[in-house]
N, C-alpha and C. Protein backbone atom coordinates (compact mmCIF):
# COMPACT_ATOMS: atom_id res chain seq x y z
N MET A 1 2.38 -2.37 -23.33
CA MET A 1 2.45 -3.58 -22.54
C MET A 1 3.61 -3.48 -21.56
N ALA A 2 3.40 -3.92 -20.34
CA ALA A 2 4.42 -3.86 -19.29
C ALA A 2 5.50 -4.90 -19.54
N SER A 3 6.69 -4.54 -19.17
CA SER A 3 7.82 -5.44 -19.33
C SER A 3 7.85 -6.46 -18.20
N SER A 4 8.23 -7.68 -18.52
CA SER A 4 8.35 -8.69 -17.48
C SER A 4 9.54 -8.38 -16.57
N GLN A 5 10.39 -7.41 -16.97
CA GLN A 5 11.48 -6.98 -16.11
C GLN A 5 10.97 -6.12 -14.96
N ASN A 6 9.78 -5.60 -15.06
CA ASN A 6 9.16 -4.82 -14.01
C ASN A 6 8.02 -5.65 -13.43
N PRO A 7 8.28 -6.39 -12.36
CA PRO A 7 7.25 -7.30 -11.84
C PRO A 7 5.98 -6.59 -11.37
N MET A 8 6.10 -5.37 -10.86
CA MET A 8 4.91 -4.66 -10.39
C MET A 8 3.97 -4.36 -11.55
N ALA A 9 4.51 -3.74 -12.60
CA ALA A 9 3.68 -3.39 -13.75
C ALA A 9 3.15 -4.64 -14.44
N TYR A 10 3.96 -5.67 -14.49
CA TYR A 10 3.54 -6.92 -15.13
C TYR A 10 2.34 -7.52 -14.40
N LEU A 11 2.39 -7.57 -13.07
CA LEU A 11 1.27 -8.12 -12.30
C LEU A 11 0.02 -7.25 -12.42
N LEU A 12 0.20 -5.94 -12.39
CA LEU A 12 -0.94 -5.04 -12.55
C LEU A 12 -1.59 -5.24 -13.90
N GLU A 13 -0.77 -5.26 -14.95
CA GLU A 13 -1.32 -5.40 -16.29
C GLU A 13 -1.97 -6.77 -16.48
N ASN A 14 -1.37 -7.79 -15.93
CA ASN A 14 -1.95 -9.13 -16.03
C ASN A 14 -3.33 -9.17 -15.37
N GLY A 15 -3.46 -8.56 -14.21
CA GLY A 15 -4.75 -8.50 -13.52
C GLY A 15 -5.78 -7.71 -14.32
N LEU A 16 -5.34 -6.60 -14.91
CA LEU A 16 -6.26 -5.80 -15.71
C LEU A 16 -6.69 -6.55 -16.97
N ARG A 17 -5.77 -7.30 -17.57
CA ARG A 17 -6.13 -8.10 -18.75
C ARG A 17 -7.19 -9.13 -18.39
N ARG A 18 -7.09 -9.69 -17.20
CA ARG A 18 -8.09 -10.68 -16.76
C ARG A 18 -9.46 -10.01 -16.66
N VAL A 19 -9.51 -8.84 -16.05
CA VAL A 19 -10.76 -8.11 -15.92
C VAL A 19 -11.29 -7.73 -17.30
N GLU A 20 -10.39 -7.28 -18.18
CA GLU A 20 -10.79 -6.89 -19.54
C GLU A 20 -11.34 -8.07 -20.34
N SER A 21 -10.80 -9.25 -20.12
CA SER A 21 -11.30 -10.42 -20.86
C SER A 21 -12.72 -10.77 -20.41
N GLU A 22 -13.03 -10.49 -19.15
CA GLU A 22 -14.38 -10.75 -18.64
C GLU A 22 -15.35 -9.63 -18.98
N ARG A 23 -14.82 -8.44 -19.22
CA ARG A 23 -15.65 -7.27 -19.53
C ARG A 23 -15.10 -6.56 -20.76
N PRO A 24 -15.36 -7.09 -21.96
CA PRO A 24 -14.78 -6.53 -23.20
C PRO A 24 -15.15 -5.06 -23.44
N GLU A 25 -16.23 -4.58 -22.85
CA GLU A 25 -16.61 -3.18 -23.05
C GLU A 25 -15.57 -2.20 -22.50
N LEU A 26 -14.69 -2.68 -21.63
CA LEU A 26 -13.64 -1.81 -21.10
C LEU A 26 -12.70 -1.31 -22.19
N SER A 27 -12.55 -2.07 -23.27
CA SER A 27 -11.65 -1.66 -24.34
C SER A 27 -12.15 -0.40 -25.05
N ASN A 28 -13.42 -0.04 -24.88
CA ASN A 28 -13.99 1.17 -25.49
C ASN A 28 -14.21 2.30 -24.47
N ASP A 29 -13.80 2.09 -23.24
CA ASP A 29 -14.01 3.08 -22.18
C ASP A 29 -12.76 3.95 -22.07
N SER A 30 -12.83 5.15 -22.60
CA SER A 30 -11.65 6.03 -22.63
C SER A 30 -11.17 6.40 -21.23
N ARG A 31 -12.08 6.58 -20.30
CA ARG A 31 -11.66 6.94 -18.93
C ARG A 31 -10.89 5.77 -18.29
N TYR A 32 -11.39 4.57 -18.46
CA TYR A 32 -10.68 3.40 -17.94
C TYR A 32 -9.30 3.28 -18.57
N LEU A 33 -9.22 3.42 -19.89
CA LEU A 33 -7.94 3.29 -20.59
C LEU A 33 -6.95 4.35 -20.12
N GLU A 34 -7.44 5.55 -19.85
CA GLU A 34 -6.60 6.63 -19.33
C GLU A 34 -6.07 6.28 -17.94
N LEU A 35 -6.96 5.80 -17.07
CA LEU A 35 -6.55 5.42 -15.71
C LEU A 35 -5.56 4.26 -15.74
N LYS A 36 -5.79 3.30 -16.63
CA LYS A 36 -4.90 2.15 -16.75
C LYS A 36 -3.50 2.59 -17.18
N GLU A 37 -3.43 3.44 -18.20
CA GLU A 37 -2.13 3.92 -18.69
C GLU A 37 -1.39 4.69 -17.60
N GLN A 38 -2.11 5.50 -16.84
CA GLN A 38 -1.48 6.26 -15.76
C GLN A 38 -0.92 5.30 -14.71
N LEU A 39 -1.69 4.28 -14.37
CA LEU A 39 -1.24 3.30 -13.39
C LEU A 39 0.03 2.60 -13.87
N LEU A 40 0.06 2.19 -15.12
CA LEU A 40 1.24 1.49 -15.63
C LEU A 40 2.45 2.42 -15.71
N ARG A 41 2.24 3.70 -16.04
CA ARG A 41 3.35 4.67 -16.03
C ARG A 41 3.88 4.86 -14.62
N ASP A 42 2.96 4.99 -13.65
CA ASP A 42 3.38 5.18 -12.26
C ASP A 42 4.10 3.95 -11.72
N ALA A 43 3.64 2.77 -12.10
CA ALA A 43 4.31 1.53 -11.68
C ALA A 43 5.73 1.48 -12.25
N GLU A 44 5.88 1.93 -13.48
CA GLU A 44 7.21 1.96 -14.10
C GLU A 44 8.12 2.96 -13.37
N GLY A 45 7.58 4.12 -13.04
CA GLY A 45 8.36 5.12 -12.30
C GLY A 45 8.78 4.62 -10.93
N HIS A 46 7.87 3.95 -10.26
CA HIS A 46 8.18 3.40 -8.94
C HIS A 46 9.26 2.34 -9.05
N PHE A 47 9.17 1.49 -10.07
CA PHE A 47 10.17 0.46 -10.27
C PHE A 47 11.55 1.07 -10.52
N ARG A 48 11.60 2.15 -11.31
CA ARG A 48 12.87 2.83 -11.57
C ARG A 48 13.45 3.39 -10.27
N GLU A 49 12.58 3.90 -9.38
CA GLU A 49 13.06 4.39 -8.08
C GLU A 49 13.69 3.26 -7.27
N ILE A 50 13.04 2.11 -7.27
CA ILE A 50 13.58 0.96 -6.52
C ILE A 50 14.92 0.53 -7.12
N GLN A 51 15.01 0.49 -8.44
CA GLN A 51 16.28 0.13 -9.07
C GLN A 51 17.38 1.12 -8.69
N ALA A 52 17.06 2.40 -8.64
CA ALA A 52 18.04 3.42 -8.25
C ALA A 52 18.47 3.23 -6.80
N THR A 53 17.52 2.87 -5.94
CA THR A 53 17.84 2.61 -4.54
C THR A 53 18.85 1.46 -4.44
N TYR A 54 18.57 0.37 -5.12
CA TYR A 54 19.47 -0.78 -5.08
C TYR A 54 20.84 -0.44 -5.68
N ALA A 55 20.84 0.32 -6.76
CA ALA A 55 22.11 0.70 -7.38
C ALA A 55 22.95 1.53 -6.41
N THR A 56 22.30 2.43 -5.67
CA THR A 56 23.01 3.25 -4.69
C THR A 56 23.62 2.38 -3.61
N ILE A 57 22.87 1.41 -3.13
CA ILE A 57 23.39 0.53 -2.07
C ILE A 57 24.56 -0.30 -2.60
N LEU A 58 24.44 -0.80 -3.82
CA LEU A 58 25.51 -1.62 -4.38
C LEU A 58 26.79 -0.81 -4.59
N LYS A 59 26.68 0.52 -4.77
CA LYS A 59 27.85 1.38 -4.94
C LYS A 59 28.47 1.77 -3.59
N THR A 60 27.70 1.60 -2.51
CA THR A 60 28.17 2.01 -1.19
C THR A 60 29.00 0.88 -0.59
N GLN A 61 30.15 1.26 -0.03
CA GLN A 61 31.01 0.26 0.61
C GLN A 61 30.77 0.25 2.11
N CYS A 62 30.94 -0.91 2.68
CA CYS A 62 30.89 -1.07 4.13
C CYS A 62 32.11 -0.38 4.73
N HIS A 63 32.06 -0.11 6.03
CA HIS A 63 33.20 0.51 6.71
C HIS A 63 34.47 -0.35 6.59
N CYS A 64 34.31 -1.66 6.36
CA CYS A 64 35.47 -2.55 6.20
C CYS A 64 35.97 -2.56 4.75
N GLY A 65 35.24 -1.88 3.85
CA GLY A 65 35.63 -1.84 2.45
C GLY A 65 34.92 -2.88 1.60
N GLY A 66 34.12 -3.73 2.23
CA GLY A 66 33.42 -4.79 1.51
C GLY A 66 32.20 -4.29 0.75
N GLN A 67 31.70 -5.15 -0.12
CA GLN A 67 30.53 -4.87 -0.96
C GLN A 67 29.25 -5.09 -0.15
N LEU A 68 28.34 -4.11 -0.19
CA LEU A 68 27.04 -4.27 0.45
C LEU A 68 26.07 -4.92 -0.53
N GLU A 69 25.15 -5.71 0.02
CA GLU A 69 24.14 -6.39 -0.79
C GLU A 69 22.78 -6.25 -0.10
N PRO A 70 21.76 -5.75 -0.80
CA PRO A 70 20.42 -5.64 -0.18
C PRO A 70 19.90 -7.03 0.20
N VAL A 71 19.39 -7.15 1.43
CA VAL A 71 18.85 -8.43 1.89
C VAL A 71 17.40 -8.33 2.35
N ASP A 72 16.91 -7.13 2.61
CA ASP A 72 15.52 -6.95 3.02
C ASP A 72 15.04 -5.59 2.55
N HIS A 73 13.75 -5.51 2.22
CA HIS A 73 13.20 -4.30 1.61
C HIS A 73 11.78 -4.13 2.12
N ASP A 74 11.46 -2.92 2.55
CA ASP A 74 10.12 -2.65 3.05
C ASP A 74 9.84 -1.17 2.86
N PHE A 75 8.59 -0.80 3.01
CA PHE A 75 8.20 0.60 2.96
C PHE A 75 7.72 1.01 4.34
N GLY A 76 8.02 2.24 4.70
CA GLY A 76 7.58 2.77 5.98
C GLY A 76 7.18 4.22 5.81
N LYS A 77 6.64 4.78 6.89
CA LYS A 77 6.22 6.17 6.84
C LYS A 77 6.73 6.87 8.10
N SER A 78 7.28 8.05 7.90
CA SER A 78 7.77 8.83 9.02
C SER A 78 7.51 10.30 8.72
N GLY A 79 6.80 10.96 9.60
CA GLY A 79 6.54 12.39 9.43
C GLY A 79 5.87 12.75 8.13
N GLY A 80 4.98 11.90 7.64
CA GLY A 80 4.26 12.18 6.42
C GLY A 80 4.99 11.81 5.14
N THR A 81 6.20 11.29 5.26
CA THR A 81 6.98 10.88 4.09
C THR A 81 7.06 9.36 4.05
N ILE A 82 6.83 8.80 2.87
CA ILE A 82 6.97 7.36 2.70
C ILE A 82 8.41 7.07 2.33
N TYR A 83 8.98 6.08 3.02
CA TYR A 83 10.37 5.71 2.79
C TYR A 83 10.47 4.29 2.27
N ASP A 84 11.42 4.11 1.40
CA ASP A 84 11.84 2.80 0.95
C ASP A 84 12.97 2.43 1.89
N SER A 85 12.74 1.46 2.75
CA SER A 85 13.73 1.05 3.74
C SER A 85 14.39 -0.24 3.29
N VAL A 86 15.72 -0.22 3.25
CA VAL A 86 16.46 -1.37 2.78
C VAL A 86 17.53 -1.73 3.81
N ILE A 87 17.61 -3.01 4.12
CA ILE A 87 18.69 -3.52 4.96
C ILE A 87 19.69 -4.17 4.00
N ALA A 88 20.94 -3.76 4.13
CA ALA A 88 22.01 -4.33 3.31
C ALA A 88 23.01 -5.00 4.24
N LYS A 89 23.57 -6.07 3.75
CA LYS A 89 24.55 -6.83 4.52
C LYS A 89 25.87 -6.85 3.76
N CYS A 90 26.95 -6.70 4.49
CA CYS A 90 28.27 -6.71 3.87
C CYS A 90 28.65 -8.14 3.52
N LYS A 91 29.12 -8.33 2.29
CA LYS A 91 29.55 -9.66 1.84
C LYS A 91 30.84 -10.10 2.54
N SER A 92 31.63 -9.13 3.02
CA SER A 92 32.90 -9.47 3.66
C SER A 92 32.77 -9.74 5.15
N CYS A 93 32.24 -8.73 5.89
CA CYS A 93 32.21 -8.87 7.36
C CYS A 93 30.85 -9.28 7.90
N GLY A 94 29.80 -9.23 7.07
CA GLY A 94 28.47 -9.66 7.49
C GLY A 94 27.68 -8.62 8.26
N GLU A 95 28.25 -7.43 8.48
CA GLU A 95 27.53 -6.39 9.22
C GLU A 95 26.36 -5.86 8.40
N ALA A 96 25.23 -5.61 9.06
CA ALA A 96 24.04 -5.08 8.40
C ALA A 96 23.97 -3.56 8.57
N GLN A 97 23.50 -2.90 7.53
CA GLN A 97 23.31 -1.46 7.57
C GLN A 97 21.91 -1.16 7.03
N ALA A 98 21.28 -0.14 7.60
CA ALA A 98 19.94 0.25 7.17
C ALA A 98 20.01 1.54 6.35
N PHE A 99 19.21 1.60 5.30
CA PHE A 99 19.12 2.78 4.44
C PHE A 99 17.65 3.15 4.29
N GLN A 100 17.38 4.46 4.23
CA GLN A 100 16.03 4.93 3.95
C GLN A 100 16.09 5.98 2.85
N PHE A 101 15.22 5.81 1.86
CA PHE A 101 15.14 6.74 0.75
C PHE A 101 13.69 7.19 0.62
N PRO A 102 13.44 8.51 0.59
CA PRO A 102 12.06 8.97 0.38
C PRO A 102 11.57 8.56 -1.00
N LYS A 103 10.31 8.15 -1.09
CA LYS A 103 9.77 7.63 -2.34
C LYS A 103 8.50 8.35 -2.73
N GLU A 104 8.54 9.00 -3.86
CA GLU A 104 7.33 9.61 -4.42
C GLU A 104 6.59 8.63 -5.31
N GLY A 105 7.33 7.77 -5.99
CA GLY A 105 6.73 6.82 -6.93
C GLY A 105 5.73 5.89 -6.27
N PHE A 106 6.02 5.48 -5.05
CA PHE A 106 5.11 4.60 -4.33
C PHE A 106 3.76 5.28 -4.14
N ILE A 107 3.79 6.56 -3.79
CA ILE A 107 2.55 7.31 -3.57
C ILE A 107 1.77 7.42 -4.88
N SER A 108 2.45 7.76 -5.97
CA SER A 108 1.78 7.89 -7.27
C SER A 108 1.16 6.57 -7.70
N GLU A 109 1.92 5.48 -7.55
CA GLU A 109 1.40 4.18 -7.96
C GLU A 109 0.19 3.79 -7.12
N ALA A 110 0.27 4.03 -5.81
CA ALA A 110 -0.86 3.68 -4.93
C ALA A 110 -2.10 4.50 -5.30
N ARG A 111 -1.92 5.79 -5.55
CA ARG A 111 -3.06 6.64 -5.92
C ARG A 111 -3.68 6.17 -7.24
N SER A 112 -2.83 5.84 -8.21
CA SER A 112 -3.33 5.38 -9.51
C SER A 112 -4.05 4.05 -9.36
N ALA A 113 -3.52 3.15 -8.57
CA ALA A 113 -4.16 1.85 -8.36
C ALA A 113 -5.53 2.04 -7.70
N MET A 114 -5.61 2.94 -6.74
CA MET A 114 -6.90 3.20 -6.08
C MET A 114 -7.88 3.84 -7.05
N ALA A 115 -7.39 4.71 -7.94
CA ALA A 115 -8.28 5.35 -8.92
C ALA A 115 -8.87 4.31 -9.87
N VAL A 116 -8.04 3.36 -10.34
CA VAL A 116 -8.55 2.30 -11.21
C VAL A 116 -9.54 1.43 -10.45
N ARG A 117 -9.18 1.05 -9.23
CA ARG A 117 -10.07 0.22 -8.42
C ARG A 117 -11.40 0.90 -8.20
N ASP A 118 -11.37 2.17 -7.79
CA ASP A 118 -12.61 2.91 -7.51
C ASP A 118 -13.46 3.08 -8.77
N TYR A 119 -12.82 3.37 -9.90
CA TYR A 119 -13.56 3.55 -11.15
C TYR A 119 -14.25 2.26 -11.57
N LEU A 120 -13.52 1.16 -11.53
CA LEU A 120 -14.11 -0.13 -11.92
C LEU A 120 -15.26 -0.51 -10.99
N GLN A 121 -15.11 -0.22 -9.71
CA GLN A 121 -16.17 -0.55 -8.75
C GLN A 121 -17.40 0.33 -8.99
N ALA A 122 -17.19 1.63 -9.11
CA ALA A 122 -18.32 2.56 -9.26
C ALA A 122 -19.02 2.43 -10.61
N THR A 123 -18.26 2.22 -11.67
CA THR A 123 -18.83 2.21 -13.01
C THR A 123 -19.34 0.85 -13.45
N TYR A 124 -18.63 -0.21 -13.06
CA TYR A 124 -18.96 -1.55 -13.56
C TYR A 124 -19.28 -2.56 -12.45
N GLY A 125 -19.13 -2.16 -11.20
CA GLY A 125 -19.36 -3.09 -10.10
C GLY A 125 -18.30 -4.19 -10.02
N ILE A 126 -17.12 -3.92 -10.58
CA ILE A 126 -16.02 -4.89 -10.58
C ILE A 126 -15.13 -4.66 -9.37
N ASP A 127 -14.90 -5.72 -8.62
CA ASP A 127 -13.99 -5.65 -7.49
C ASP A 127 -12.61 -6.11 -7.99
N TYR A 128 -11.88 -5.17 -8.58
CA TYR A 128 -10.59 -5.46 -9.21
C TYR A 128 -9.60 -6.07 -8.21
N ALA A 129 -9.53 -5.51 -7.03
CA ALA A 129 -8.56 -6.01 -6.04
C ALA A 129 -8.82 -7.47 -5.70
N SER A 130 -10.07 -7.83 -5.50
CA SER A 130 -10.39 -9.22 -5.18
C SER A 130 -10.13 -10.15 -6.36
N ALA A 131 -10.41 -9.66 -7.57
CA ALA A 131 -10.17 -10.48 -8.76
C ALA A 131 -8.69 -10.78 -8.92
N VAL A 132 -7.86 -9.77 -8.72
CA VAL A 132 -6.41 -9.96 -8.85
C VAL A 132 -5.90 -10.87 -7.73
N ARG A 133 -6.37 -10.64 -6.52
CA ARG A 133 -5.94 -11.47 -5.38
C ARG A 133 -6.30 -12.92 -5.62
N SER A 134 -7.52 -13.18 -6.07
CA SER A 134 -7.93 -14.56 -6.29
C SER A 134 -7.13 -15.19 -7.42
N ASP A 135 -6.81 -14.40 -8.45
CA ASP A 135 -5.98 -14.91 -9.54
C ASP A 135 -4.58 -15.27 -9.04
N LEU A 136 -3.98 -14.39 -8.23
CA LEU A 136 -2.65 -14.67 -7.68
C LEU A 136 -2.66 -15.87 -6.74
N GLU A 137 -3.70 -15.96 -5.91
CA GLU A 137 -3.79 -17.10 -5.00
C GLU A 137 -3.95 -18.39 -5.77
N GLY A 138 -4.72 -18.37 -6.87
CA GLY A 138 -4.91 -19.54 -7.70
C GLY A 138 -3.60 -19.98 -8.34
N ARG A 139 -2.79 -19.02 -8.75
CA ARG A 139 -1.49 -19.34 -9.34
C ARG A 139 -0.55 -19.94 -8.30
N ALA A 140 -0.59 -19.42 -7.08
CA ALA A 140 0.30 -19.91 -6.03
C ALA A 140 -0.02 -21.36 -5.69
N VAL A 141 -1.29 -21.73 -5.73
CA VAL A 141 -1.69 -23.09 -5.41
C VAL A 141 -1.27 -24.06 -6.49
N ARG A 142 -1.34 -23.62 -7.76
CA ARG A 142 -1.00 -24.50 -8.87
C ARG A 142 0.50 -24.76 -8.98
N HIS A 143 1.30 -23.80 -8.54
CA HIS A 143 2.75 -23.95 -8.76
C HIS A 143 3.43 -24.54 -7.57
């Protein structure tokens, strides 16, 4: 089971549980279970990469000696490499600095998510992405 400390894995697992509750036969499908476990492992690895990125930024000092704090986070691609791009702002002087870290975990997680999505679609006719999106949208409206 995914930890609630890892929001990515938690949301993925929650969406898969919803699909599994509607299609109990998935609990006996070894290929599905294998793909699901790989996805959750990759999500955990990606989350650890993001934590390491933030830890690196928090250890880095601004040119004024102040503490940097991440304020914006996005992914980008340059020359075939996916980057975790973070903007950090100094708590002392307010100056912003940009950091880019190459990310392998993002690629692994995306590939695993697509493998689960494709398998569910081809084998069971389940549109996993739409089911998760509708579940998330339903939660956003209620809260």
